[in-house]
Amino acid sequence: MIRNLLGCSCGCVILSILSACNSGNTAAPNNASYYASLCKSVGGYYQYGTVNSPPNSDYMAVTNYAAATQSLSGIPLSHTHIEITSALDGKIYDVAIDNVFANGYNPLSYVVPSTYAENLTAGSTIYLCSGNPSGVPYPVSEPSSNPFATQGFDWVHTNCAASGYPSSYLNGFLYDQNNINLTNSQTYCYLWP
């Protein structure tokens, strides 16, 4: 067993002198390289960065609800949009996050899911893996909710295929800076056979 400076004596691998064992969570806080490796292992498109505040500082929300333009089996495919500044290339991206993969998503509620609103806050770091890497990033010519982004990506999917659901999409994720997977609900995985 390895004991680090904080007195942790779990069997985790020490990633750096500052890493700490974190009670069963496999990623050290803010560990971009861990999430990059995880995304690469599923063949996804990886980005991480800081959630930007909106241009109007009087408006505190950084998430914007985008109504569904289509539905599957009666379930509206709405999105939450955020803007991030990438820590990888410094570009500003518009990220469209599928609401159906938020825990507690209600298809009859036309608002940003509470797990997104509570965890995607201005200045926080997030880690994203798009399960549709061939279609991202795409150009954003006139973003309606995030006017500074010139590129975007979406299809931040949950772990449906790895859990036995037949899916044509690769497994993606959205982790916040507290290592919470915000897109891990599998309630609607059946929509993508």
N, C-alpha and C. Protein backbone atom coordinates (compact mmCIF):
# COMPACT_ATOMS: atom_id res chain seq x y z
N MET A 1 0.83 -1.19 0.00
CA MET A 1 0.00 0.00 0.00
C MET A 1 0.87 1.24 0.00
N ILE A 2 0.37 2.26 -0.67
CA ILE A 2 1.08 3.53 -0.73
C ILE A 2 0.34 4.53 0.14
N ARG A 3 1.05 5.25 0.97
CA ARG A 3 0.42 6.27 1.81
C ARG A 3 0.97 7.61 1.34
N ASN A 4 0.04 8.54 0.99
CA ASN A 4 0.51 9.84 0.52
C ASN A 4 0.59 10.83 1.68
N LEU A 5 0.92 12.07 1.39
CA LEU A 5 1.11 13.08 2.42
C LEU A 5 -0.15 13.39 3.20
N LEU A 6 -1.32 13.11 2.61
CA LEU A 6 -2.59 13.39 3.28
C LEU A 6 -3.02 12.22 4.16
N GLY A 7 -2.27 11.16 4.20
CA GLY A 7 -2.61 10.02 5.04
C GLY A 7 -3.56 9.04 4.37
N CYS A 8 -3.77 9.16 3.11
CA CYS A 8 -4.66 8.27 2.39
C CYS A 8 -3.96 6.94 2.19
N SER A 9 -4.64 5.87 2.49
CA SER A 9 -4.00 4.56 2.33
C SER A 9 -4.87 3.63 1.49
N CYS A 10 -5.44 4.14 0.43
CA CYS A 10 -6.21 3.27 -0.46
C CYS A 10 -5.28 2.76 -1.55
N GLY A 11 -5.75 1.82 -2.34
CA GLY A 11 -4.90 1.22 -3.37
C GLY A 11 -4.92 1.97 -4.67
N CYS A 12 -5.11 3.27 -4.65
CA CYS A 12 -5.17 4.03 -5.90
C CYS A 12 -3.77 4.33 -6.43
N VAL A 13 -3.69 4.61 -7.69
CA VAL A 13 -2.43 4.96 -8.33
C VAL A 13 -2.17 6.44 -8.10
N ILE A 14 -0.98 6.78 -7.70
CA ILE A 14 -0.62 8.18 -7.49
C ILE A 14 -0.29 8.79 -8.84
N LEU A 15 -1.12 9.73 -9.29
CA LEU A 15 -0.93 10.34 -10.59
C LEU A 15 0.08 11.48 -10.54
N SER A 16 0.18 12.13 -9.42
CA SER A 16 1.17 13.18 -9.24
C SER A 16 1.38 13.37 -7.75
N ILE A 17 2.33 14.16 -7.39
CA ILE A 17 2.61 14.35 -5.97
C ILE A 17 1.45 15.02 -5.24
N LEU A 18 0.60 15.72 -5.99
CA LEU A 18 -0.52 16.41 -5.38
C LEU A 18 -1.82 15.61 -5.43
N SER A 19 -1.82 14.45 -6.07
CA SER A 19 -3.07 13.71 -6.18
C SER A 19 -3.41 13.08 -4.84
N ALA A 20 -4.69 12.80 -4.70
CA ALA A 20 -5.16 12.22 -3.45
C ALA A 20 -6.12 11.09 -3.75
N CYS A 21 -6.16 10.11 -2.87
CA CYS A 21 -7.15 9.05 -3.00
C CYS A 21 -8.50 9.68 -2.68
N ASN A 22 -9.50 9.34 -3.46
CA ASN A 22 -10.76 10.04 -3.26
C ASN A 22 -11.93 9.09 -3.09
N SER A 23 -11.82 8.21 -2.16
CA SER A 23 -12.90 7.35 -1.70
C SER A 23 -13.65 6.65 -2.82
N GLY A 24 -12.97 5.96 -3.67
CA GLY A 24 -13.62 5.17 -4.70
C GLY A 24 -13.84 5.88 -6.02
N ASN A 25 -13.69 7.18 -6.08
CA ASN A 25 -13.82 7.89 -7.34
C ASN A 25 -12.52 7.69 -8.11
N THR A 26 -12.63 7.32 -9.38
CA THR A 26 -11.45 6.94 -10.14
C THR A 26 -10.67 8.12 -10.70
N ALA A 27 -11.18 9.32 -10.61
CA ALA A 27 -10.47 10.48 -11.17
C ALA A 27 -10.07 11.44 -10.06
N ALA A 28 -8.86 11.92 -10.11
CA ALA A 28 -8.44 12.95 -9.18
C ALA A 28 -9.12 14.25 -9.56
N PRO A 29 -9.40 15.13 -8.61
CA PRO A 29 -10.08 16.38 -8.93
C PRO A 29 -9.36 17.15 -10.04
N ASN A 30 -10.13 17.64 -10.98
CA ASN A 30 -9.63 18.45 -12.09
C ASN A 30 -8.57 17.73 -12.93
N ASN A 31 -8.68 16.43 -13.05
CA ASN A 31 -7.68 15.67 -13.77
C ASN A 31 -8.04 15.56 -15.24
N ALA A 32 -7.62 16.54 -16.02
CA ALA A 32 -7.95 16.59 -17.45
C ALA A 32 -7.35 15.42 -18.21
N SER A 33 -6.18 14.97 -17.84
CA SER A 33 -5.56 13.87 -18.56
C SER A 33 -6.33 12.56 -18.36
N TYR A 34 -6.88 12.37 -17.18
CA TYR A 34 -7.69 11.17 -16.93
C TYR A 34 -8.90 11.16 -17.87
N TYR A 35 -9.63 12.27 -17.93
CA TYR A 35 -10.83 12.33 -18.77
C TYR A 35 -10.49 12.26 -20.25
N ALA A 36 -9.35 12.83 -20.64
CA ALA A 36 -8.91 12.72 -22.04
C ALA A 36 -8.67 11.26 -22.41
N SER A 37 -8.03 10.53 -21.53
CA SER A 37 -7.76 9.11 -21.76
C SER A 37 -9.06 8.31 -21.80
N LEU A 38 -9.97 8.63 -20.91
CA LEU A 38 -11.27 7.95 -20.87
C LEU A 38 -12.04 8.19 -22.17
N CYS A 39 -12.03 9.41 -22.65
CA CYS A 39 -12.73 9.74 -23.90
C CYS A 39 -12.06 9.06 -25.09
N LYS A 40 -10.74 9.07 -25.11
CA LYS A 40 -10.01 8.43 -26.20
C LYS A 40 -10.31 6.93 -26.25
N SER A 41 -10.47 6.31 -25.08
CA SER A 41 -10.71 4.87 -25.02
C SER A 41 -12.06 4.47 -25.64
N VAL A 42 -13.00 5.41 -25.71
CA VAL A 42 -14.29 5.11 -26.34
C VAL A 42 -14.40 5.73 -27.73
N GLY A 43 -13.31 6.37 -28.18
CA GLY A 43 -13.30 6.94 -29.53
C GLY A 43 -14.06 8.24 -29.67
N GLY A 44 -14.23 8.98 -28.59
CA GLY A 44 -15.00 10.22 -28.63
C GLY A 44 -14.17 11.46 -28.93
N TYR A 45 -14.85 12.59 -29.02
CA TYR A 45 -14.22 13.90 -29.23
C TYR A 45 -14.13 14.56 -27.86
N TYR A 46 -12.93 14.92 -27.42
CA TYR A 46 -12.72 15.43 -26.07
C TYR A 46 -12.45 16.93 -26.06
N GLN A 47 -13.05 17.60 -25.10
CA GLN A 47 -12.76 18.99 -24.79
C GLN A 47 -12.90 19.19 -23.29
N TYR A 48 -12.17 20.13 -22.77
CA TYR A 48 -12.44 20.58 -21.41
C TYR A 48 -12.13 22.06 -21.33
N GLY A 49 -12.76 22.71 -20.37
CA GLY A 49 -12.54 24.14 -20.25
C GLY A 49 -13.40 24.76 -19.17
N THR A 50 -13.48 26.07 -19.24
CA THR A 50 -14.19 26.86 -18.24
C THR A 50 -15.53 27.32 -18.78
N VAL A 51 -16.57 27.18 -17.96
CA VAL A 51 -17.89 27.67 -18.33
C VAL A 51 -17.86 29.19 -18.27
N ASN A 52 -18.24 29.82 -19.37
CA ASN A 52 -18.22 31.28 -19.45
C ASN A 52 -19.49 31.88 -18.88
N SER A 53 -19.35 33.09 -18.36
CA SER A 53 -20.54 33.83 -17.94
C SER A 53 -21.11 34.52 -19.17
N PRO A 54 -22.40 34.82 -19.16
CA PRO A 54 -23.00 35.47 -20.32
C PRO A 54 -22.51 36.90 -20.46
N PRO A 55 -22.65 37.47 -21.68
CA PRO A 55 -22.18 38.85 -21.90
C PRO A 55 -22.84 39.87 -20.98
N ASN A 56 -24.11 39.67 -20.63
CA ASN A 56 -24.82 40.60 -19.76
C ASN A 56 -24.61 40.15 -18.32
N SER A 57 -23.78 40.83 -17.59
CA SER A 57 -23.43 40.40 -16.24
C SER A 57 -24.60 40.47 -15.26
N ASP A 58 -25.69 41.15 -15.63
CA ASP A 58 -26.86 41.18 -14.77
C ASP A 58 -27.66 39.88 -14.85
N TYR A 59 -27.35 39.07 -15.86
CA TYR A 59 -28.05 37.80 -16.05
C TYR A 59 -27.15 36.70 -15.55
N MET A 60 -27.50 36.09 -14.45
CA MET A 60 -26.60 35.17 -13.76
C MET A 60 -26.55 33.77 -14.36
N ALA A 61 -27.60 33.33 -15.04
CA ALA A 61 -27.60 31.96 -15.57
C ALA A 61 -26.60 31.81 -16.70
N VAL A 62 -25.92 30.69 -16.74
CA VAL A 62 -24.98 30.42 -17.83
C VAL A 62 -25.52 29.31 -18.72
N THR A 63 -26.64 28.73 -18.34
CA THR A 63 -27.27 27.69 -19.14
C THR A 63 -28.49 28.25 -19.85
N ASN A 64 -28.72 27.81 -21.07
CA ASN A 64 -29.86 28.27 -21.84
C ASN A 64 -30.60 27.06 -22.39
N TYR A 65 -31.91 27.05 -22.18
CA TYR A 65 -32.74 25.95 -22.67
C TYR A 65 -33.04 26.16 -24.15
N ALA A 66 -32.83 25.14 -24.94
CA ALA A 66 -33.17 25.18 -26.36
C ALA A 66 -34.28 24.16 -26.60
N ALA A 67 -35.41 24.64 -27.03
CA ALA A 67 -36.57 23.77 -27.24
C ALA A 67 -36.26 22.70 -28.27
N ALA A 68 -36.95 21.59 -28.16
CA ALA A 68 -36.76 20.47 -29.08
C ALA A 68 -37.24 20.83 -30.47
N THR A 69 -36.47 20.46 -31.47
CA THR A 69 -36.89 20.62 -32.86
C THR A 69 -37.41 19.30 -33.40
N GLN A 70 -37.20 18.24 -32.65
CA GLN A 70 -37.72 16.93 -33.03
C GLN A 70 -37.95 16.11 -31.76
N SER A 71 -38.64 14.99 -31.92
CA SER A 71 -38.85 14.09 -30.80
C SER A 71 -38.73 12.66 -31.30
N LEU A 72 -38.48 11.76 -30.37
CA LEU A 72 -38.44 10.33 -30.66
C LEU A 72 -39.42 9.64 -29.73
N SER A 73 -40.30 8.86 -30.29
CA SER A 73 -41.31 8.14 -29.50
C SER A 73 -42.03 9.07 -28.53
N GLY A 74 -42.28 10.29 -28.96
CA GLY A 74 -42.99 11.27 -28.13
C GLY A 74 -42.15 11.98 -27.11
N ILE A 75 -40.85 11.69 -27.04
CA ILE A 75 -39.96 12.36 -26.07
C ILE A 75 -39.23 13.49 -26.79
N PRO A 76 -39.45 14.74 -26.36
CA PRO A 76 -38.79 15.87 -27.03
C PRO A 76 -37.28 15.85 -26.79
N LEU A 77 -36.53 16.09 -27.86
CA LEU A 77 -35.07 16.09 -27.78
C LEU A 77 -34.56 17.52 -27.62
N SER A 78 -34.77 18.07 -26.45
CA SER A 78 -34.32 19.43 -26.15
C SER A 78 -32.87 19.41 -25.71
N HIS A 79 -32.26 20.58 -25.70
CA HIS A 79 -30.85 20.72 -25.31
C HIS A 79 -30.68 21.86 -24.33
N THR A 80 -29.63 21.77 -23.57
CA THR A 80 -29.15 22.89 -22.77
C THR A 80 -27.88 23.37 -23.45
N HIS A 81 -27.78 24.68 -23.64
CA HIS A 81 -26.58 25.25 -24.26
C HIS A 81 -25.76 25.99 -23.21
N ILE A 82 -24.45 25.78 -23.28
CA ILE A 82 -23.50 26.55 -22.48
C ILE A 82 -22.38 26.98 -23.41
N GLU A 83 -21.63 27.94 -22.97
CA GLU A 83 -20.46 28.39 -23.71
C GLU A 83 -19.25 28.12 -22.84
N ILE A 84 -18.21 27.51 -23.45
CA ILE A 84 -16.97 27.26 -22.70
C ILE A 84 -15.78 27.86 -23.45
N THR A 85 -14.76 28.19 -22.70
CA THR A 85 -13.46 28.50 -23.29
C THR A 85 -12.60 27.28 -23.09
N SER A 86 -12.15 26.70 -24.20
CA SER A 86 -11.38 25.46 -24.15
C SER A 86 -10.02 25.68 -23.52
N ALA A 87 -9.64 24.78 -22.63
CA ALA A 87 -8.29 24.79 -22.06
C ALA A 87 -7.31 24.12 -23.01
N LEU A 88 -7.82 23.46 -24.05
CA LEU A 88 -6.95 22.78 -25.01
C LEU A 88 -6.47 23.70 -26.13
N ASP A 89 -7.38 24.54 -26.65
CA ASP A 89 -6.99 25.39 -27.77
C ASP A 89 -7.37 26.86 -27.61
N GLY A 90 -7.98 27.23 -26.49
CA GLY A 90 -8.34 28.62 -26.21
C GLY A 90 -9.55 29.13 -26.97
N LYS A 91 -10.19 28.29 -27.79
CA LYS A 91 -11.36 28.72 -28.56
C LYS A 91 -12.61 28.67 -27.69
N ILE A 92 -13.58 29.48 -28.10
CA ILE A 92 -14.87 29.48 -27.42
C ILE A 92 -15.82 28.57 -28.17
N TYR A 93 -16.43 27.64 -27.44
CA TYR A 93 -17.35 26.66 -28.03
C TYR A 93 -18.74 26.80 -27.45
N ASP A 94 -19.73 26.60 -28.32
CA ASP A 94 -21.12 26.45 -27.88
C ASP A 94 -21.34 24.95 -27.72
N VAL A 95 -21.76 24.52 -26.55
CA VAL A 95 -21.98 23.10 -26.28
C VAL A 95 -23.47 22.86 -26.11
N ALA A 96 -24.01 21.95 -26.93
CA ALA A 96 -25.41 21.56 -26.84
C ALA A 96 -25.48 20.22 -26.11
N ILE A 97 -26.05 20.23 -24.92
CA ILE A 97 -26.08 19.03 -24.08
C ILE A 97 -27.49 18.46 -24.09
N ASP A 98 -27.59 17.19 -24.40
CA ASP A 98 -28.90 16.53 -24.46
C ASP A 98 -29.54 16.48 -23.07
N ASN A 99 -30.74 17.05 -22.97
CA ASN A 99 -31.42 17.07 -21.69
C ASN A 99 -31.90 15.69 -21.26
N VAL A 100 -32.18 14.79 -22.20
CA VAL A 100 -32.69 13.47 -21.83
C VAL A 100 -31.72 12.67 -20.99
N PHE A 101 -30.44 13.05 -20.97
CA PHE A 101 -29.45 12.30 -20.19
C PHE A 101 -29.16 12.92 -18.83
N ALA A 102 -29.91 13.96 -18.47
CA ALA A 102 -29.79 14.55 -17.14
C ALA A 102 -30.64 13.76 -16.16
N ASN A 103 -30.10 13.49 -14.99
CA ASN A 103 -30.91 12.83 -13.96
C ASN A 103 -32.09 13.72 -13.62
N GLY A 104 -33.26 13.13 -13.57
CA GLY A 104 -34.46 13.88 -13.24
C GLY A 104 -35.06 14.63 -14.41
N TYR A 105 -34.60 14.36 -15.63
CA TYR A 105 -35.16 15.06 -16.79
C TYR A 105 -36.65 14.80 -16.89
N ASN A 106 -37.41 15.86 -17.11
CA ASN A 106 -38.86 15.77 -17.26
C ASN A 106 -39.20 16.30 -18.64
N PRO A 107 -39.68 15.43 -19.55
CA PRO A 107 -39.97 15.90 -20.91
C PRO A 107 -41.11 16.92 -20.99
N LEU A 108 -41.87 17.07 -19.91
CA LEU A 108 -42.96 18.05 -19.89
C LEU A 108 -42.54 19.37 -19.27
N SER A 109 -41.30 19.46 -18.82
CA SER A 109 -40.79 20.69 -18.22
C SER A 109 -39.87 21.37 -19.22
N TYR A 110 -40.17 22.60 -19.54
CA TYR A 110 -39.42 23.31 -20.59
C TYR A 110 -38.40 24.27 -19.98
N VAL A 111 -37.54 23.69 -19.14
CA VAL A 111 -36.48 24.45 -18.48
C VAL A 111 -35.20 23.62 -18.49
N VAL A 112 -34.09 24.27 -18.19
CA VAL A 112 -32.81 23.57 -18.04
C VAL A 112 -32.96 22.60 -16.87
N PRO A 113 -32.59 21.31 -17.05
CA PRO A 113 -32.67 20.37 -15.93
C PRO A 113 -31.88 20.87 -14.72
N SER A 114 -32.40 20.62 -13.53
CA SER A 114 -31.80 21.17 -12.31
C SER A 114 -30.35 20.71 -12.12
N THR A 115 -30.01 19.47 -12.53
CA THR A 115 -28.62 19.03 -12.36
C THR A 115 -27.66 19.85 -13.20
N TYR A 116 -28.11 20.32 -14.36
CA TYR A 116 -27.26 21.17 -15.19
C TYR A 116 -27.18 22.57 -14.59
N ALA A 117 -28.34 23.12 -14.21
CA ALA A 117 -28.36 24.48 -13.66
C ALA A 117 -27.52 24.60 -12.40
N GLU A 118 -27.53 23.55 -11.57
CA GLU A 118 -26.80 23.60 -10.29
C GLU A 118 -25.30 23.38 -10.45
N ASN A 119 -24.88 22.62 -11.47
CA ASN A 119 -23.48 22.23 -11.57
C ASN A 119 -22.70 22.91 -12.69
N LEU A 120 -23.38 23.47 -13.67
CA LEU A 120 -22.71 24.18 -14.76
C LEU A 120 -22.74 25.66 -14.44
N THR A 121 -21.81 26.10 -13.63
CA THR A 121 -21.80 27.47 -13.15
C THR A 121 -20.61 28.24 -13.73
N ALA A 122 -20.76 29.54 -13.81
CA ALA A 122 -19.72 30.40 -14.38
C ALA A 122 -18.40 30.20 -13.64
N GLY A 123 -17.34 30.01 -14.43
CA GLY A 123 -16.01 29.84 -13.87
C GLY A 123 -15.65 28.42 -13.50
N SER A 124 -16.61 27.51 -13.55
CA SER A 124 -16.30 26.12 -13.21
C SER A 124 -15.67 25.40 -14.39
N THR A 125 -14.92 24.36 -14.08
CA THR A 125 -14.26 23.56 -15.11
C THR A 125 -15.12 22.34 -15.40
N ILE A 126 -15.26 22.00 -16.70
CA ILE A 126 -16.00 20.81 -17.07
C ILE A 126 -15.20 20.01 -18.09
N TYR A 127 -15.51 18.72 -18.16
CA TYR A 127 -14.82 17.77 -19.02
C TYR A 127 -15.87 17.09 -19.88
N LEU A 128 -15.70 17.15 -21.20
CA LEU A 128 -16.73 16.65 -22.10
C LEU A 128 -16.17 15.66 -23.11
N CYS A 129 -16.98 14.66 -23.42
CA CYS A 129 -16.62 13.70 -24.45
C CYS A 129 -17.85 13.53 -25.34
N SER A 130 -17.74 13.91 -26.59
CA SER A 130 -18.86 13.79 -27.52
C SER A 130 -18.88 12.40 -28.11
N GLY A 131 -20.05 11.78 -28.09
CA GLY A 131 -20.21 10.45 -28.64
C GLY A 131 -20.46 10.44 -30.14
N ASN A 132 -20.32 11.59 -30.79
CA ASN A 132 -20.50 11.68 -32.23
C ASN A 132 -19.29 12.41 -32.82
N PRO A 133 -18.09 11.83 -32.72
CA PRO A 133 -16.87 12.55 -33.07
C PRO A 133 -16.74 12.93 -34.54
N SER A 134 -17.43 12.24 -35.43
CA SER A 134 -17.29 12.58 -36.85
C SER A 134 -18.03 13.87 -37.20
N GLY A 135 -18.96 14.29 -36.37
CA GLY A 135 -19.74 15.49 -36.68
C GLY A 135 -19.35 16.71 -35.88
N VAL A 136 -18.23 16.67 -35.17
CA VAL A 136 -17.84 17.79 -34.33
C VAL A 136 -16.34 18.05 -34.44
N PRO A 137 -15.89 19.25 -34.16
CA PRO A 137 -16.74 20.41 -33.94
C PRO A 137 -17.31 20.92 -35.25
N TYR A 138 -18.42 21.62 -35.16
CA TYR A 138 -19.05 22.18 -36.34
C TYR A 138 -19.06 23.70 -36.23
N PRO A 139 -19.12 24.40 -37.36
CA PRO A 139 -19.12 25.87 -37.30
C PRO A 139 -20.45 26.40 -36.76
N VAL A 140 -20.36 27.48 -36.01
CA VAL A 140 -21.54 28.15 -35.47
C VAL A 140 -21.53 29.55 -36.06
N SER A 141 -22.44 29.80 -37.00
CA SER A 141 -22.43 31.09 -37.68
C SER A 141 -23.22 32.16 -36.95
N GLU A 142 -24.38 31.80 -36.42
CA GLU A 142 -25.20 32.78 -35.70
C GLU A 142 -25.77 32.13 -34.46
N PRO A 143 -24.94 31.90 -33.46
CA PRO A 143 -25.47 31.26 -32.25
C PRO A 143 -26.48 32.16 -31.56
N SER A 144 -27.61 31.61 -31.21
CA SER A 144 -28.67 32.42 -30.61
C SER A 144 -28.44 32.67 -29.13
N SER A 145 -27.87 31.69 -28.42
CA SER A 145 -27.73 31.86 -26.98
C SER A 145 -26.30 32.16 -26.55
N ASN A 146 -25.32 31.92 -27.40
CA ASN A 146 -23.93 32.13 -27.04
C ASN A 146 -23.22 32.88 -28.16
N PRO A 147 -23.30 34.21 -28.16
CA PRO A 147 -22.85 35.00 -29.30
C PRO A 147 -21.36 35.04 -29.57
N PHE A 148 -20.52 34.50 -28.71
CA PHE A 148 -19.08 34.58 -28.94
C PHE A 148 -18.49 33.30 -29.50
N ALA A 149 -19.23 32.23 -29.48
CA ALA A 149 -18.73 30.95 -29.97
C ALA A 149 -18.70 30.93 -31.49
N THR A 150 -17.65 30.36 -32.04
CA THR A 150 -17.55 30.19 -33.50
C THR A 150 -17.62 28.72 -33.88
N GLN A 151 -17.47 27.84 -32.90
CA GLN A 151 -17.58 26.41 -33.13
C GLN A 151 -18.45 25.80 -32.04
N GLY A 152 -18.99 24.62 -32.34
CA GLY A 152 -19.81 23.96 -31.34
C GLY A 152 -19.71 22.46 -31.43
N PHE A 153 -20.25 21.80 -30.43
CA PHE A 153 -20.38 20.35 -30.49
C PHE A 153 -21.53 19.92 -29.62
N ASP A 154 -22.04 18.73 -29.94
CA ASP A 154 -23.16 18.20 -29.19
C ASP A 154 -23.01 16.69 -29.06
N TRP A 155 -24.12 16.03 -28.86
CA TRP A 155 -24.13 14.59 -28.66
C TRP A 155 -23.25 14.17 -27.49
N VAL A 156 -23.41 14.86 -26.38
CA VAL A 156 -22.72 14.47 -25.15
C VAL A 156 -23.59 13.40 -24.52
N HIS A 157 -23.35 12.14 -24.92
CA HIS A 157 -24.24 11.04 -24.56
C HIS A 157 -23.78 10.30 -23.32
N THR A 158 -24.73 9.61 -22.74
CA THR A 158 -24.45 8.79 -21.58
C THR A 158 -23.86 7.45 -21.99
N ASN A 159 -23.66 6.59 -21.05
CA ASN A 159 -22.98 5.33 -21.27
C ASN A 159 -23.93 4.21 -21.71
N CYS A 160 -24.80 4.47 -22.67
CA CYS A 160 -25.83 3.51 -23.07
C CYS A 160 -25.25 2.23 -23.65
N ALA A 161 -24.35 2.34 -24.61
CA ALA A 161 -23.83 1.15 -25.29
C ALA A 161 -23.06 0.24 -24.33
N ALA A 162 -22.27 0.82 -23.45
CA ALA A 162 -21.50 0.02 -22.50
C ALA A 162 -22.39 -0.69 -21.49
N SER A 163 -23.62 -0.24 -21.36
CA SER A 163 -24.55 -0.85 -20.42
C SER A 163 -25.49 -1.85 -21.09
N GLY A 164 -25.18 -2.19 -22.34
CA GLY A 164 -25.95 -3.23 -23.00
C GLY A 164 -27.04 -2.75 -23.93
N TYR A 165 -27.21 -1.44 -24.05
CA TYR A 165 -28.20 -0.92 -24.99
C TYR A 165 -27.58 -0.89 -26.38
N PRO A 166 -28.29 -1.40 -27.39
CA PRO A 166 -27.75 -1.28 -28.74
C PRO A 166 -27.79 0.18 -29.17
N SER A 167 -26.66 0.76 -29.48
CA SER A 167 -26.61 2.17 -29.81
C SER A 167 -25.60 2.42 -30.91
N SER A 168 -25.97 3.28 -31.86
CA SER A 168 -25.03 3.64 -32.92
C SER A 168 -24.10 4.77 -32.47
N TYR A 169 -24.34 5.34 -31.29
CA TYR A 169 -23.50 6.42 -30.78
C TYR A 169 -22.47 5.87 -29.81
N LEU A 170 -21.29 6.46 -29.84
CA LEU A 170 -20.26 6.09 -28.89
C LEU A 170 -20.62 6.64 -27.52
N ASN A 171 -19.98 6.12 -26.51
CA ASN A 171 -20.26 6.58 -25.15
C ASN A 171 -19.57 7.90 -24.88
N GLY A 172 -20.33 8.87 -24.44
CA GLY A 172 -19.79 10.18 -24.12
C GLY A 172 -20.09 10.52 -22.68
N PHE A 173 -19.62 11.69 -22.25
CA PHE A 173 -19.87 12.09 -20.86
C PHE A 173 -19.71 13.58 -20.70
N LEU A 174 -20.19 14.06 -19.58
CA LEU A 174 -19.99 15.44 -19.14
C LEU A 174 -19.77 15.39 -17.63
N TYR A 175 -18.53 15.60 -17.21
CA TYR A 175 -18.19 15.63 -15.80
C TYR A 175 -17.96 17.08 -15.38
N ASP A 176 -18.39 17.40 -14.17
CA ASP A 176 -18.11 18.73 -13.64
C ASP A 176 -16.81 18.68 -12.84
N GLN A 177 -16.41 19.81 -12.28
CA GLN A 177 -15.13 19.87 -11.57
C GLN A 177 -15.12 19.07 -10.28
N ASN A 178 -16.29 18.62 -9.83
CA ASN A 178 -16.37 17.77 -8.64
C ASN A 178 -16.44 16.29 -9.01
N ASN A 179 -16.13 15.99 -10.28
CA ASN A 179 -16.12 14.62 -10.80
C ASN A 179 -17.49 13.96 -10.77
N ILE A 180 -18.53 14.76 -10.95
CA ILE A 180 -19.90 14.24 -11.04
C ILE A 180 -20.27 14.14 -12.50
N ASN A 181 -20.71 12.96 -12.93
CA ASN A 181 -21.14 12.75 -14.31
C ASN A 181 -22.56 13.30 -14.43
N LEU A 182 -22.72 14.38 -15.18
CA LEU A 182 -24.02 15.04 -15.30
C LEU A 182 -24.92 14.42 -16.36
N THR A 183 -24.38 13.52 -17.18
CA THR A 183 -25.18 12.91 -18.25
C THR A 183 -25.21 11.40 -18.11
N ASN A 184 -25.46 10.90 -16.91
CA ASN A 184 -25.41 9.46 -16.71
C ASN A 184 -26.78 8.80 -16.56
N SER A 185 -27.86 9.52 -16.80
CA SER A 185 -29.18 8.90 -16.75
C SER A 185 -29.36 8.01 -17.97
N GLN A 186 -29.89 6.81 -17.76
CA GLN A 186 -30.10 5.88 -18.87
C GLN A 186 -31.59 5.64 -19.13
N THR A 187 -32.42 6.47 -18.56
CA THR A 187 -33.87 6.32 -18.70
C THR A 187 -34.32 6.28 -20.16
N TYR A 188 -33.69 7.10 -21.00
CA TYR A 188 -34.14 7.22 -22.40
C TYR A 188 -33.19 6.57 -23.38
N CYS A 189 -32.31 5.69 -22.95
CA CYS A 189 -31.41 5.00 -23.85
C CYS A 189 -32.16 4.19 -24.91
N TYR A 190 -33.35 3.75 -24.58
CA TYR A 190 -34.13 2.94 -25.53
C TYR A 190 -34.49 3.69 -26.80
N LEU A 191 -34.36 5.00 -26.80
CA LEU A 191 -34.73 5.81 -27.98
C LEU A 191 -33.77 5.63 -29.14
N TRP A 192 -32.55 5.17 -28.86
CA TRP A 192 -31.53 5.01 -29.92
C TRP A 192 -31.16 3.55 -30.10
N PRO A 193 -32.00 2.80 -30.79
CA PRO A 193 -31.73 1.36 -30.97
C PRO A 193 -30.56 1.12 -31.91
